[in-house]
């Protein structure tokens, strides 16, 4: 691990998820979803893995797994607020590199988790995240697939649920196919920041663009901070947000044996 940035992973886990109640405790191959996510973080070589939980059932499920538990308030409005409390409980200093791994990513590749920590340090940006190419029009038009556009320096210019950038001439003729050129990127919801910036982020009032698009990362861009973006070195299979996603994840886990 000496070639890589030293980092900690924090996993927000809220029991009362709206689309999949009790989500962290839903079983995948007979074990709670949150335990699979925690194992991905441990496999990535994090110096510490913390789960920011809001319910003692989550803490009980993780007993003996090698991860630490931060019991956080059940009233947090967002995962960022929950992680800011977790960072205070953990006592990380302002320079600690924190990777925010969503609690519904049981297949997150270890290489991708390390890559976002390395990118933060290499870029000198306030935050770092990953993206994957979009190669079909259906994904571009899907509002649940968040798109991003980048500047020459690799920093994010904007994140949106809308199809961006819009190929004017090609879409004037046909909106069922993407033209060639590879200009489209899907955002992968993993972040790295230093613990000091995490506290700043959580303390900022919600931004106007964030409220319009329901995308928390827009708060950072609107306030003038940098978010570095890199292509993920390995695919991130879909996370688990709905009962249908859970069924797909169970089938995937069974296929992997």
Protein backbone atom coordinates (compact mmCIF):
# COMPACT_ATOMS: atom_id res chain seq x y z
CA UNK A 1 0.00 0.00 0.00
CA UNK A 2 3.01 2.30 0.20
CA UNK A 3 2.45 3.41 -3.43
CA UNK A 4 -1.00 4.69 -2.54
CA UNK A 5 -2.42 7.55 -0.58
CA UNK A 6 -3.25 6.80 3.04
CA UNK A 7 -7.00 7.18 3.51
CA UNK A 8 -9.97 6.29 5.68
CA UNK A 9 -13.38 5.21 4.40
CA UNK A 10 -16.65 6.43 5.88
CA UNK A 11 -19.90 4.71 4.88
CA UNK A 12 -23.18 6.50 5.62
CA UNK A 13 -25.86 3.93 6.53
CA UNK A 14 -29.38 5.16 7.21
CA UNK A 15 -31.82 2.51 8.37
CA UNK A 16 -35.02 4.18 7.16
CA UNK A 17 -34.22 4.46 3.43
CA UNK A 18 -37.39 5.52 1.62
CA UNK A 19 -37.25 3.30 -1.46
CA UNK A 20 -35.96 0.22 0.37
CA UNK A 21 -36.86 0.30 4.09
CA UNK A 22 -34.18 -1.16 6.36
CA UNK A 23 -31.80 -1.05 3.38
CA UNK A 24 -28.47 -1.57 5.24
CA UNK A 25 -29.91 -4.75 6.78
CA UNK A 26 -31.34 -6.25 3.58
CA UNK A 27 -29.72 -9.63 3.00
CA UNK A 28 -27.36 -10.34 0.14
CA UNK A 29 -26.01 -13.92 0.08
CA UNK A 30 -27.37 -14.28 3.61
CA UNK A 31 -25.49 -11.28 5.02
CA UNK A 32 -26.51 -7.62 5.53
CA UNK A 33 -25.89 -5.28 2.60
CA UNK A 34 -23.84 -2.87 4.74
CA UNK A 35 -21.43 -5.69 5.68
CA UNK A 36 -20.65 -6.34 1.99
CA UNK A 37 -19.94 -2.62 1.47
CA UNK A 38 -17.69 -2.52 4.55
CA UNK A 39 -15.70 -5.47 3.19
CA UNK A 40 -15.12 -3.63 -0.11
CA UNK A 41 -13.63 -0.73 1.86
CA UNK A 42 -11.41 -3.05 3.90
CA UNK A 43 -10.25 -4.76 0.68
CA UNK A 44 -9.23 -1.37 -0.74
CA UNK A 45 -6.63 -0.95 2.02
CA UNK A 46 -8.20 1.87 4.03
CA UNK A 47 -6.37 2.54 7.30
CA UNK A 48 -9.76 2.75 9.06
CA UNK A 49 -13.28 1.93 7.91
CA UNK A 50 -16.16 3.61 9.73
CA UNK A 51 -19.87 3.08 9.24
CA UNK A 52 -21.90 6.16 10.19
CA UNK A 53 -25.08 4.48 11.41
CA UNK A 54 -28.35 5.84 12.80
CA UNK A 55 -29.72 2.60 14.27
CA UNK A 56 -28.27 0.07 16.72
CA UNK A 57 -29.38 -2.81 14.45
CA UNK A 58 -26.71 -1.71 11.95
CA UNK A 59 -24.07 -1.64 14.69
CA UNK A 60 -25.08 -5.14 15.83
CA UNK A 61 -24.84 -6.51 12.28
CA UNK A 62 -21.26 -5.26 11.95
CA UNK A 63 -19.95 -6.63 15.22
CA UNK A 64 -16.67 -8.47 14.71
CA UNK A 65 -16.28 -7.30 11.08
CA UNK A 66 -13.23 -5.11 11.67
CA UNK A 67 -15.03 -1.81 11.02
CA UNK A 68 -15.73 0.96 13.52
CA UNK A 69 -19.22 2.30 14.18
CA UNK A 70 -20.17 5.95 14.69
CA UNK A 71 -23.69 6.25 16.07
CA UNK A 72 -24.94 9.43 14.42
CA UNK A 73 -28.15 11.41 14.70
CA UNK A 74 -31.25 10.02 12.99
CA UNK A 75 -32.24 13.55 11.95
CA UNK A 76 -29.43 14.33 9.45
CA UNK A 77 -30.71 15.76 6.18
CA UNK A 78 -27.95 14.19 4.07
CA UNK A 79 -25.16 11.65 4.03
CA UNK A 80 -22.62 14.51 4.11
CA UNK A 81 -24.03 15.78 7.42
CA UNK A 82 -23.90 12.23 8.79
CA UNK A 83 -20.26 11.82 7.71
CA UNK A 84 -19.30 15.19 9.20
CA UNK A 85 -20.59 13.94 12.56
CA UNK A 86 -18.76 10.63 12.00
CA UNK A 87 -15.49 12.53 11.38
CA UNK A 88 -15.92 14.40 14.66
CA UNK A 89 -16.60 11.14 16.54
CA UNK A 90 -13.58 9.47 14.87
CA UNK A 91 -11.36 12.45 15.74
CA UNK A 92 -9.71 12.74 12.32
CA UNK A 93 -7.49 15.76 11.87
CA UNK A 94 -8.26 18.28 9.13
CA UNK A 95 -5.78 16.71 6.66
CA UNK A 96 -7.10 13.14 6.84
CA UNK A 97 -8.20 11.89 3.40
CA UNK A 98 -11.75 10.59 3.73
CA UNK A 99 -13.45 8.48 1.05
CA UNK A 100 -17.25 8.64 1.19
CA UNK A 101 -18.42 5.22 -0.01
CA UNK A 102 -22.19 4.96 -0.31
CA UNK A 103 -23.78 2.31 1.87
CA UNK A 104 -25.50 0.67 -1.10
CA UNK A 105 -22.40 -0.24 -3.18
CA UNK A 106 -21.76 -3.93 -2.39
CA UNK A 107 -19.65 -4.41 -5.54
CA UNK A 108 -17.52 -1.23 -5.35
CA UNK A 109 -14.10 -2.18 -6.80
CA UNK A 110 -11.13 -1.78 -4.46
CA UNK A 111 -9.14 -0.13 -7.25
CA UNK A 112 -11.84 2.52 -7.69
CA UNK A 113 -11.91 3.31 -3.96
CA UNK A 114 -8.13 3.78 -3.95
CA UNK A 115 -8.23 5.80 -7.19
CA UNK A 116 -10.50 8.53 -5.80
CA UNK A 117 -8.21 9.01 -2.77
CA UNK A 118 -5.14 9.20 -5.04
CA UNK A 119 -6.92 11.70 -7.32
CA UNK A 120 -7.71 14.04 -4.43
CA UNK A 121 -4.08 14.26 -3.41
CA UNK A 122 -2.68 14.37 -6.95
CA UNK A 123 -5.07 17.09 -8.15
CA UNK A 124 -4.92 19.34 -5.10
CA UNK A 125 -8.68 19.86 -5.53
CA UNK A 126 -11.14 20.30 -2.65
CA UNK A 127 -13.00 17.13 -3.61
CA UNK A 128 -12.50 14.23 -6.01
CA UNK A 129 -14.92 11.82 -7.67
CA UNK A 130 -15.10 9.28 -10.50
CA UNK A 131 -17.02 8.88 -13.75
CA UNK A 132 -17.67 6.24 -16.39
CA UNK A 133 -18.32 6.67 -20.13
CA UNK A 134 -21.93 6.68 -21.35
CA UNK A 135 -22.35 4.82 -24.61
CA UNK A 136 -26.13 4.62 -25.03
CA UNK A 137 -28.83 7.26 -25.39
CA UNK A 138 -31.12 5.61 -22.81
CA UNK A 139 -28.60 6.29 -20.04
CA UNK A 140 -28.04 9.85 -21.23
CA UNK A 141 -31.79 10.53 -20.99
CA UNK A 142 -32.26 8.72 -17.65
CA UNK A 143 -32.68 11.35 -14.87
CA UNK A 144 -31.44 8.81 -12.31
CA UNK A 145 -28.10 8.61 -14.15
CA UNK A 146 -26.24 11.78 -13.19
CA UNK A 147 -24.19 13.29 -15.99
CA UNK A 148 -21.14 15.52 -15.65
CA UNK A 149 -19.07 17.77 -17.88
CA UNK A 150 -15.40 18.54 -17.31
CA UNK A 151 -12.93 21.29 -18.14
CA UNK A 152 -9.51 20.74 -19.74
CA UNK A 153 -7.94 20.36 -16.30
CA UNK A 154 -10.24 17.45 -15.45
CA UNK A 155 -12.31 19.42 -12.94
CA UNK A 156 -16.09 19.15 -13.01
CA UNK A 157 -17.87 22.09 -14.62
CA UNK A 158 -21.37 20.84 -13.84
CA UNK A 159 -23.39 17.81 -12.74
CA UNK A 160 -26.93 17.30 -14.02
CA UNK A 161 -29.79 14.85 -14.36
CA UNK A 162 -30.33 16.32 -17.85
CA UNK A 163 -28.61 14.96 -20.99
CA UNK A 164 -25.38 16.99 -21.09
CA UNK A 165 -23.72 17.97 -23.33
CA UNK A 166 -26.54 18.11 -25.90
CA UNK A 167 -25.41 17.11 -29.43
CA UNK A 168 -27.57 19.63 -31.28
CA UNK A 169 -27.21 18.48 -34.86
CA UNK A 170 -27.19 14.73 -34.19
CA UNK A 171 -30.23 14.89 -31.88
CA UNK A 172 -32.10 17.02 -34.39
CA UNK A 173 -32.12 13.91 -36.60
CA UNK A 174 -32.20 11.01 -34.12
CA UNK A 175 -32.41 10.89 -30.32
CA UNK A 176 -32.25 7.11 -30.03
CA UNK A 177 -28.52 6.84 -30.71
CA UNK A 178 -25.47 8.67 -29.44
CA UNK A 179 -23.20 10.14 -32.09
CA UNK A 180 -19.53 9.12 -32.02
CA UNK A 181 -17.03 11.17 -30.07
CA UNK A 182 -17.39 9.92 -26.50
CA UNK A 183 -18.38 13.21 -24.86
CA UNK A 184 -20.72 11.73 -22.25
CA UNK A 185 -19.87 10.76 -18.70
CA UNK A 186 -21.95 9.25 -15.94
CA UNK A 187 -21.09 10.30 -12.43
CA UNK A 188 -20.21 7.57 -9.94
CA UNK A 189 -21.30 8.63 -6.45
CA UNK A 190 -18.04 8.11 -4.57
CA UNK A 191 -16.15 11.10 -3.15
CA UNK A 192 -12.87 11.92 -1.48
CA UNK A 193 -12.13 15.04 0.55
CA UNK A 194 -10.03 15.98 3.50
CA UNK A 195 -11.81 15.88 6.86
CA UNK A 196 -11.47 19.67 7.19
CA UNK A 197 -13.26 20.30 3.89
CA UNK A 198 -15.95 17.76 4.84
CA UNK A 199 -16.80 19.97 7.83
CA UNK A 200 -16.86 23.07 5.59
CA UNK A 201 -19.12 21.32 3.06
CA UNK A 202 -21.59 20.21 5.73
CA UNK A 203 -21.69 23.72 7.21
CA UNK A 204 -22.48 25.44 3.86
CA UNK A 205 -26.13 26.31 3.25
CA UNK A 206 -27.75 24.24 0.47
CA UNK A 207 -27.10 25.85 -2.92
CA UNK A 208 -29.71 27.03 -5.40
CA UNK A 209 -28.58 24.59 -8.10
CA UNK A 210 -28.40 21.76 -5.55
CA UNK A 211 -32.05 22.38 -4.66
CA UNK A 212 -33.14 22.48 -8.31
CA UNK A 213 -31.37 19.24 -9.34
CA UNK A 214 -31.36 17.47 -5.93
CA UNK A 215 -27.60 16.94 -6.30
CA UNK A 216 -25.60 17.82 -3.20
CA UNK A 217 -22.27 18.09 -5.03
CA UNK A 218 -23.56 21.18 -6.87
CA UNK A 219 -23.33 23.06 -3.53
CA UNK A 220 -19.54 22.72 -3.79
CA UNK A 221 -19.30 23.95 -7.40
CA UNK A 222 -21.73 26.82 -6.87
CA UNK A 223 -19.64 28.01 -3.92
CA UNK A 224 -16.55 28.10 -6.15
CA UNK A 225 -14.66 25.01 -4.95
CA UNK A 226 -12.95 22.44 -7.17
CA UNK A 227 -14.11 18.86 -7.76
CA UNK A 228 -11.54 16.77 -9.67
CA UNK A 229 -12.89 13.94 -11.83
CA UNK A 230 -11.17 10.86 -13.25
CA UNK A 231 -12.39 7.87 -15.22
CA UNK A 232 -12.90 4.91 -12.91
CA UNK A 233 -10.16 2.29 -13.37
CA UNK A 234 -12.75 -0.50 -12.95
CA UNK A 235 -16.52 -0.55 -13.51
CA UNK A 236 -18.78 0.14 -10.53
CA UNK A 237 -21.70 -2.30 -10.88
CA UNK A 238 -25.10 -0.76 -10.04
CA UNK A 239 -25.82 0.00 -6.40
CA UNK A 240 -28.88 -1.11 -4.46
CA UNK A 241 -31.63 1.48 -4.12
CA UNK A 242 -34.87 -0.40 -4.80
CA UNK A 243 -36.27 -3.93 -4.30
CA UNK A 244 -35.54 -4.58 -8.01
CA UNK A 245 -31.90 -3.52 -7.53
CA UNK A 246 -31.66 -5.89 -4.57
CA UNK A 247 -32.96 -8.80 -6.67
CA UNK A 248 -30.38 -8.01 -9.37
CA UNK A 249 -27.59 -7.80 -6.78
CA UNK A 250 -28.65 -11.16 -5.30
CA UNK A 251 -28.53 -12.72 -8.77
CA UNK A 252 -25.10 -11.19 -9.41
CA UNK A 253 -23.76 -12.46 -6.08
CA UNK A 254 -25.13 -15.96 -6.83
CA UNK A 255 -23.49 -15.91 -10.29
CA UNK A 256 -20.14 -14.99 -8.72
CA UNK A 257 -20.47 -18.08 -6.56
